[in-house]
Amino acid sequence: MREKKYTWHKIAETIEELRFKKNSILQMAVGNKNICIIKTEKGISACAAKCPHAGGAMCEGALDKNENIICPVHRYTFNLNTGRDITGEGYYLKIYPVEIKDSGIFLGIEEAGFFRSLQ
């Protein structure tokens, strides 16, 4: 299995700079993608902006008591570490790595290889 390579994008200097909504979720453009940034007790997570089931806007969703993200359309619930749908339907939500450093908060977008660009 090949090692994933990422292009890292600085999304903020500090957590305070990010303008989270009441639900601790915001959407922003990073690179050429719309990404949801989520503030949890454990730090910052990131996922695809649309639910893989029906395209619901994940930024309009909520977090449950276990810090899983819930789609606002059909209430599908996704683990923010694995992207797995914990309610058993078999969907996966794209999860993006986030790193907090002294120089800022960075989000990684996987680099597309030649064959991935053909998909």
N, C-alpha and C. Protein backbone atom coordinates (compact mmCIF):
# COMPACT_ATOMS: atom_id res chain seq x y z
N MET A 1 0.84 -1.18 0.00
CA MET A 1 0.00 0.00 0.00
C MET A 1 0.89 1.25 0.00
N ARG A 2 0.56 2.18 -0.83
CA ARG A 2 1.39 3.38 -0.94
C ARG A 2 1.09 4.34 0.21
N GLU A 3 2.12 5.08 0.59
CA GLU A 3 1.97 6.08 1.63
C GLU A 3 1.26 7.30 1.05
N LYS A 4 0.31 7.83 1.81
CA LYS A 4 -0.41 9.02 1.36
C LYS A 4 0.49 10.24 1.47
N LYS A 5 0.42 11.10 0.46
CA LYS A 5 1.14 12.36 0.48
C LYS A 5 0.12 13.49 0.49
N TYR A 6 0.41 14.50 1.27
CA TYR A 6 -0.54 15.60 1.43
C TYR A 6 0.08 16.93 1.04
N THR A 7 -0.75 17.80 0.54
CA THR A 7 -0.43 19.21 0.41
C THR A 7 -1.07 19.88 1.61
N TRP A 8 -0.27 20.59 2.39
CA TRP A 8 -0.76 21.20 3.63
C TRP A 8 -1.13 22.66 3.37
N HIS A 9 -2.33 23.03 3.83
CA HIS A 9 -2.86 24.38 3.65
C HIS A 9 -3.07 25.02 5.02
N LYS A 10 -2.52 26.21 5.18
CA LYS A 10 -2.73 26.93 6.44
C LYS A 10 -4.15 27.49 6.43
N ILE A 11 -4.94 27.13 7.46
CA ILE A 11 -6.33 27.60 7.50
C ILE A 11 -6.54 28.70 8.53
N ALA A 12 -5.61 28.84 9.48
CA ALA A 12 -5.73 29.91 10.48
C ALA A 12 -4.43 30.01 11.27
N GLU A 13 -4.26 31.13 11.91
CA GLU A 13 -3.12 31.31 12.82
C GLU A 13 -3.40 30.61 14.15
N THR A 14 -4.66 30.77 14.65
CA THR A 14 -5.05 30.21 15.95
C THR A 14 -6.48 29.68 15.85
N ILE A 15 -6.87 28.88 16.83
CA ILE A 15 -8.25 28.38 16.89
C ILE A 15 -9.23 29.53 17.02
N GLU A 16 -8.85 30.56 17.79
CA GLU A 16 -9.73 31.72 17.99
C GLU A 16 -10.03 32.44 16.69
N GLU A 17 -9.13 32.35 15.73
CA GLU A 17 -9.33 33.01 14.43
C GLU A 17 -10.45 32.35 13.61
N LEU A 18 -10.67 31.07 13.86
CA LEU A 18 -11.74 30.36 13.14
C LEU A 18 -13.09 30.79 13.70
N ARG A 19 -14.02 31.11 12.84
CA ARG A 19 -15.33 31.63 13.25
C ARG A 19 -16.36 30.50 13.27
N PHE A 20 -16.36 29.74 14.36
CA PHE A 20 -17.28 28.61 14.47
C PHE A 20 -18.70 29.08 14.72
N LYS A 21 -19.64 28.35 14.12
CA LYS A 21 -21.05 28.59 14.37
C LYS A 21 -21.40 28.04 15.74
N LYS A 22 -22.63 28.23 16.14
CA LYS A 22 -23.12 27.75 17.42
C LYS A 22 -22.89 26.24 17.59
N ASN A 23 -22.96 25.50 16.49
CA ASN A 23 -22.81 24.04 16.53
C ASN A 23 -21.35 23.59 16.49
N SER A 24 -20.40 24.49 16.59
CA SER A 24 -18.95 24.20 16.57
C SER A 24 -18.47 23.67 15.22
N ILE A 25 -19.20 23.99 14.15
CA ILE A 25 -18.84 23.54 12.80
C ILE A 25 -18.84 24.74 11.88
N LEU A 26 -17.84 24.82 11.02
CA LEU A 26 -17.85 25.85 9.99
C LEU A 26 -17.41 25.24 8.67
N GLN A 27 -17.78 25.89 7.59
CA GLN A 27 -17.37 25.43 6.27
C GLN A 27 -16.44 26.46 5.67
N MET A 28 -15.39 25.98 5.01
CA MET A 28 -14.48 26.91 4.33
C MET A 28 -13.90 26.25 3.09
N ALA A 29 -13.49 27.06 2.16
CA ALA A 29 -12.81 26.56 0.97
C ALA A 29 -11.34 26.40 1.30
N VAL A 30 -10.81 25.22 1.03
CA VAL A 30 -9.39 24.93 1.24
C VAL A 30 -8.89 24.27 -0.05
N GLY A 31 -7.90 24.89 -0.66
CA GLY A 31 -7.49 24.40 -1.96
C GLY A 31 -8.66 24.56 -2.92
N ASN A 32 -9.05 23.49 -3.56
CA ASN A 32 -10.21 23.55 -4.47
C ASN A 32 -11.39 22.76 -3.89
N LYS A 33 -11.44 22.61 -2.57
CA LYS A 33 -12.48 21.82 -1.93
C LYS A 33 -13.21 22.61 -0.86
N ASN A 34 -14.48 22.29 -0.66
CA ASN A 34 -15.23 22.81 0.47
C ASN A 34 -15.09 21.79 1.59
N ILE A 35 -14.66 22.27 2.76
CA ILE A 35 -14.34 21.41 3.89
C ILE A 35 -15.08 21.92 5.12
N CYS A 36 -15.55 20.98 5.95
CA CYS A 36 -16.09 21.34 7.26
C CYS A 36 -14.98 21.23 8.29
N ILE A 37 -14.85 22.26 9.08
CA ILE A 37 -13.89 22.28 10.18
C ILE A 37 -14.73 22.18 11.46
N ILE A 38 -14.34 21.27 12.35
CA ILE A 38 -15.13 20.99 13.53
C ILE A 38 -14.28 21.18 14.77
N LYS A 39 -14.82 21.92 15.73
CA LYS A 39 -14.14 22.12 17.01
C LYS A 39 -14.74 21.15 18.01
N THR A 40 -13.87 20.29 18.59
CA THR A 40 -14.31 19.33 19.60
C THR A 40 -13.50 19.54 20.88
N GLU A 41 -13.83 18.79 21.90
CA GLU A 41 -13.06 18.85 23.14
C GLU A 41 -11.62 18.39 22.91
N LYS A 42 -11.43 17.51 21.91
CA LYS A 42 -10.11 16.95 21.62
C LYS A 42 -9.28 17.84 20.71
N GLY A 43 -9.88 18.85 20.10
CA GLY A 43 -9.15 19.73 19.19
C GLY A 43 -9.95 20.06 17.95
N ILE A 44 -9.29 20.06 16.81
CA ILE A 44 -9.90 20.41 15.54
C ILE A 44 -9.90 19.18 14.63
N SER A 45 -11.04 18.94 14.00
CA SER A 45 -11.19 17.87 13.00
C SER A 45 -11.67 18.50 11.71
N ALA A 46 -11.59 17.73 10.62
CA ALA A 46 -12.06 18.23 9.33
C ALA A 46 -12.65 17.08 8.52
N CYS A 47 -13.71 17.40 7.76
CA CYS A 47 -14.35 16.38 6.93
C CYS A 47 -14.92 17.04 5.67
N ALA A 48 -15.40 16.18 4.77
CA ALA A 48 -16.04 16.67 3.55
C ALA A 48 -17.26 17.53 3.92
N ALA A 49 -17.56 18.48 3.08
CA ALA A 49 -18.67 19.39 3.34
C ALA A 49 -20.02 18.77 3.07
N LYS A 50 -20.06 17.69 2.28
CA LYS A 50 -21.34 17.05 1.93
C LYS A 50 -21.39 15.62 2.44
N CYS A 51 -22.54 15.24 2.92
CA CYS A 51 -22.77 13.88 3.39
C CYS A 51 -22.70 12.93 2.18
N PRO A 52 -22.03 11.78 2.32
CA PRO A 52 -21.93 10.84 1.20
C PRO A 52 -23.24 10.14 0.88
N HIS A 53 -24.23 10.23 1.76
CA HIS A 53 -25.50 9.57 1.52
C HIS A 53 -26.39 10.37 0.58
N ALA A 54 -26.72 11.60 0.95
CA ALA A 54 -27.66 12.38 0.15
C ALA A 54 -27.18 13.81 -0.09
N GLY A 55 -25.92 14.09 0.19
CA GLY A 55 -25.37 15.41 -0.11
C GLY A 55 -25.74 16.50 0.86
N GLY A 56 -26.21 16.14 2.05
CA GLY A 56 -26.56 17.15 3.04
C GLY A 56 -25.35 17.98 3.44
N ALA A 57 -25.59 19.23 3.77
CA ALA A 57 -24.53 20.16 4.18
C ALA A 57 -24.11 19.84 5.61
N MET A 58 -22.94 19.22 5.76
CA MET A 58 -22.48 18.81 7.09
C MET A 58 -22.28 20.00 8.03
N CYS A 59 -22.02 21.18 7.50
CA CYS A 59 -21.85 22.36 8.36
C CYS A 59 -23.15 22.75 9.05
N GLU A 60 -24.27 22.25 8.55
CA GLU A 60 -25.57 22.53 9.18
C GLU A 60 -25.94 21.44 10.18
N GLY A 61 -25.06 20.44 10.34
CA GLY A 61 -25.30 19.33 11.24
C GLY A 61 -24.97 19.69 12.68
N ALA A 62 -24.73 18.64 13.46
CA ALA A 62 -24.45 18.82 14.88
C ALA A 62 -23.46 17.75 15.32
N LEU A 63 -22.97 17.90 16.54
CA LEU A 63 -22.12 16.89 17.14
C LEU A 63 -22.91 16.18 18.23
N ASP A 64 -22.73 14.85 18.33
CA ASP A 64 -23.40 14.14 19.41
C ASP A 64 -22.49 14.13 20.64
N LYS A 65 -22.92 13.47 21.72
CA LYS A 65 -22.16 13.48 22.97
C LYS A 65 -20.80 12.79 22.84
N ASN A 66 -20.63 11.94 21.81
CA ASN A 66 -19.36 11.27 21.57
C ASN A 66 -18.50 11.99 20.53
N GLU A 67 -18.92 13.20 20.15
CA GLU A 67 -18.22 14.04 19.18
C GLU A 67 -18.18 13.42 17.79
N ASN A 68 -19.25 12.73 17.43
CA ASN A 68 -19.49 12.28 16.06
C ASN A 68 -20.29 13.38 15.38
N ILE A 69 -20.12 13.52 14.06
CA ILE A 69 -20.88 14.54 13.34
C ILE A 69 -22.14 13.91 12.76
N ILE A 70 -23.25 14.64 12.87
CA ILE A 70 -24.56 14.15 12.44
C ILE A 70 -25.04 14.97 11.25
N CYS A 71 -25.37 14.29 10.15
CA CYS A 71 -25.90 14.97 8.97
C CYS A 71 -27.29 15.52 9.29
N PRO A 72 -27.57 16.75 8.87
CA PRO A 72 -28.87 17.35 9.18
C PRO A 72 -30.03 16.79 8.35
N VAL A 73 -29.75 16.07 7.27
CA VAL A 73 -30.82 15.60 6.39
C VAL A 73 -31.47 14.33 6.91
N HIS A 74 -30.69 13.25 7.04
CA HIS A 74 -31.25 11.97 7.46
C HIS A 74 -30.67 11.47 8.77
N ARG A 75 -29.91 12.33 9.46
CA ARG A 75 -29.35 12.01 10.78
C ARG A 75 -28.29 10.90 10.76
N TYR A 76 -27.66 10.65 9.61
CA TYR A 76 -26.57 9.70 9.58
C TYR A 76 -25.44 10.28 10.43
N THR A 77 -24.78 9.43 11.20
CA THR A 77 -23.78 9.86 12.16
C THR A 77 -22.43 9.26 11.79
N PHE A 78 -21.41 10.11 11.74
CA PHE A 78 -20.08 9.69 11.29
C PHE A 78 -19.03 9.94 12.35
N ASN A 79 -18.12 8.97 12.51
CA ASN A 79 -16.99 9.08 13.41
C ASN A 79 -15.97 10.03 12.78
N LEU A 80 -15.55 11.04 13.51
CA LEU A 80 -14.62 12.04 12.97
C LEU A 80 -13.17 11.55 12.88
N ASN A 81 -12.87 10.40 13.45
CA ASN A 81 -11.53 9.83 13.32
C ASN A 81 -11.42 8.93 12.10
N THR A 82 -12.45 8.14 11.84
CA THR A 82 -12.40 7.14 10.77
C THR A 82 -13.25 7.49 9.56
N GLY A 83 -14.26 8.34 9.76
CA GLY A 83 -15.20 8.66 8.68
C GLY A 83 -16.32 7.64 8.56
N ARG A 84 -16.26 6.56 9.31
CA ARG A 84 -17.25 5.49 9.22
C ARG A 84 -18.61 5.94 9.76
N ASP A 85 -19.65 5.54 9.05
CA ASP A 85 -21.02 5.78 9.47
C ASP A 85 -21.32 4.84 10.63
N ILE A 86 -21.50 5.38 11.83
CA ILE A 86 -21.67 4.53 13.00
C ILE A 86 -23.10 4.00 13.14
N THR A 87 -24.01 4.47 12.30
CA THR A 87 -25.39 3.98 12.38
C THR A 87 -25.62 2.78 11.48
N GLY A 88 -24.57 2.29 10.82
CA GLY A 88 -24.63 1.01 10.15
C GLY A 88 -25.04 0.97 8.69
N GLU A 89 -25.18 2.09 8.03
CA GLU A 89 -25.60 2.08 6.63
C GLU A 89 -24.44 1.82 5.66
N GLY A 90 -23.21 1.89 6.13
CA GLY A 90 -22.06 1.56 5.29
C GLY A 90 -21.44 2.72 4.54
N TYR A 91 -21.83 3.94 4.83
CA TYR A 91 -21.25 5.11 4.17
C TYR A 91 -19.99 5.56 4.90
N TYR A 92 -19.09 6.22 4.17
CA TYR A 92 -17.89 6.80 4.75
C TYR A 92 -17.82 8.27 4.36
N LEU A 93 -17.55 9.10 5.34
CA LEU A 93 -17.37 10.53 5.15
C LEU A 93 -15.86 10.78 5.05
N LYS A 94 -15.45 11.53 4.04
CA LYS A 94 -14.03 11.84 3.85
C LYS A 94 -13.54 12.67 5.03
N ILE A 95 -12.46 12.20 5.65
CA ILE A 95 -11.84 12.90 6.78
C ILE A 95 -10.49 13.45 6.32
N TYR A 96 -10.20 14.67 6.72
CA TYR A 96 -8.93 15.33 6.37
C TYR A 96 -8.08 15.50 7.62
N PRO A 97 -6.76 15.27 7.51
CA PRO A 97 -5.90 15.47 8.68
C PRO A 97 -5.71 16.96 8.99
N VAL A 98 -5.63 17.25 10.28
CA VAL A 98 -5.40 18.61 10.75
C VAL A 98 -4.21 18.58 11.70
N GLU A 99 -3.32 19.54 11.55
CA GLU A 99 -2.18 19.67 12.46
C GLU A 99 -2.16 21.08 13.02
N ILE A 100 -2.01 21.16 14.33
CA ILE A 100 -1.88 22.45 15.00
C ILE A 100 -0.41 22.60 15.40
N LYS A 101 0.20 23.65 14.87
CA LYS A 101 1.61 23.92 15.13
C LYS A 101 1.76 25.34 15.68
N ASP A 102 2.96 25.66 16.12
CA ASP A 102 3.23 27.03 16.58
C ASP A 102 2.97 28.05 15.47
N SER A 103 3.19 27.64 14.23
CA SER A 103 3.05 28.56 13.09
C SER A 103 1.62 28.62 12.54
N GLY A 104 0.68 27.87 13.12
CA GLY A 104 -0.71 27.94 12.67
C GLY A 104 -1.40 26.60 12.64
N ILE A 105 -2.60 26.60 12.08
CA ILE A 105 -3.41 25.39 11.93
C ILE A 105 -3.40 25.01 10.45
N PHE A 106 -3.07 23.75 10.18
CA PHE A 106 -2.90 23.28 8.81
C PHE A 106 -3.82 22.09 8.53
N LEU A 107 -4.35 22.06 7.31
CA LEU A 107 -5.21 20.97 6.85
C LEU A 107 -4.55 20.30 5.66
N GLY A 108 -4.51 18.98 5.67
CA GLY A 108 -3.87 18.23 4.59
C GLY A 108 -4.87 17.72 3.58
N ILE A 109 -4.59 17.96 2.31
CA ILE A 109 -5.39 17.41 1.22
C ILE A 109 -4.49 16.46 0.45
N GLU A 110 -4.96 15.23 0.32
CA GLU A 110 -4.17 14.20 -0.32
C GLU A 110 -3.84 14.59 -1.75
N GLU A 111 -2.57 14.42 -2.10
CA GLU A 111 -2.13 14.72 -3.46
C GLU A 111 -2.63 13.65 -4.39
N ALA A 112 -3.13 14.06 -5.53
CA ALA A 112 -3.63 13.11 -6.53
C ALA A 112 -2.47 12.61 -7.37
N GLY A 113 -2.36 11.30 -7.49
CA GLY A 113 -1.37 10.71 -8.38
C GLY A 113 -1.94 10.65 -9.79
N PHE A 114 -1.15 10.15 -10.73
CA PHE A 114 -1.60 10.10 -12.13
C PHE A 114 -2.90 9.33 -12.28
N PHE A 115 -2.99 8.14 -11.69
CA PHE A 115 -4.17 7.31 -11.87
C PHE A 115 -5.37 7.87 -11.12
N ARG A 116 -5.14 8.53 -9.97
CA ARG A 116 -6.25 9.13 -9.23
C ARG A 116 -6.84 10.29 -10.02
N SER A 117 -6.03 10.99 -10.78
CA SER A 117 -6.53 12.12 -11.57
C SER A 117 -7.42 11.67 -12.72
N LEU A 118 -7.35 10.39 -13.09
CA LEU A 118 -8.19 9.87 -14.16
C LEU A 118 -9.57 9.45 -13.67
N GLN A 119 -9.77 9.42 -12.37
CA GLN A 119 -11.06 8.98 -11.82
C GLN A 119 -12.09 10.07 -11.92
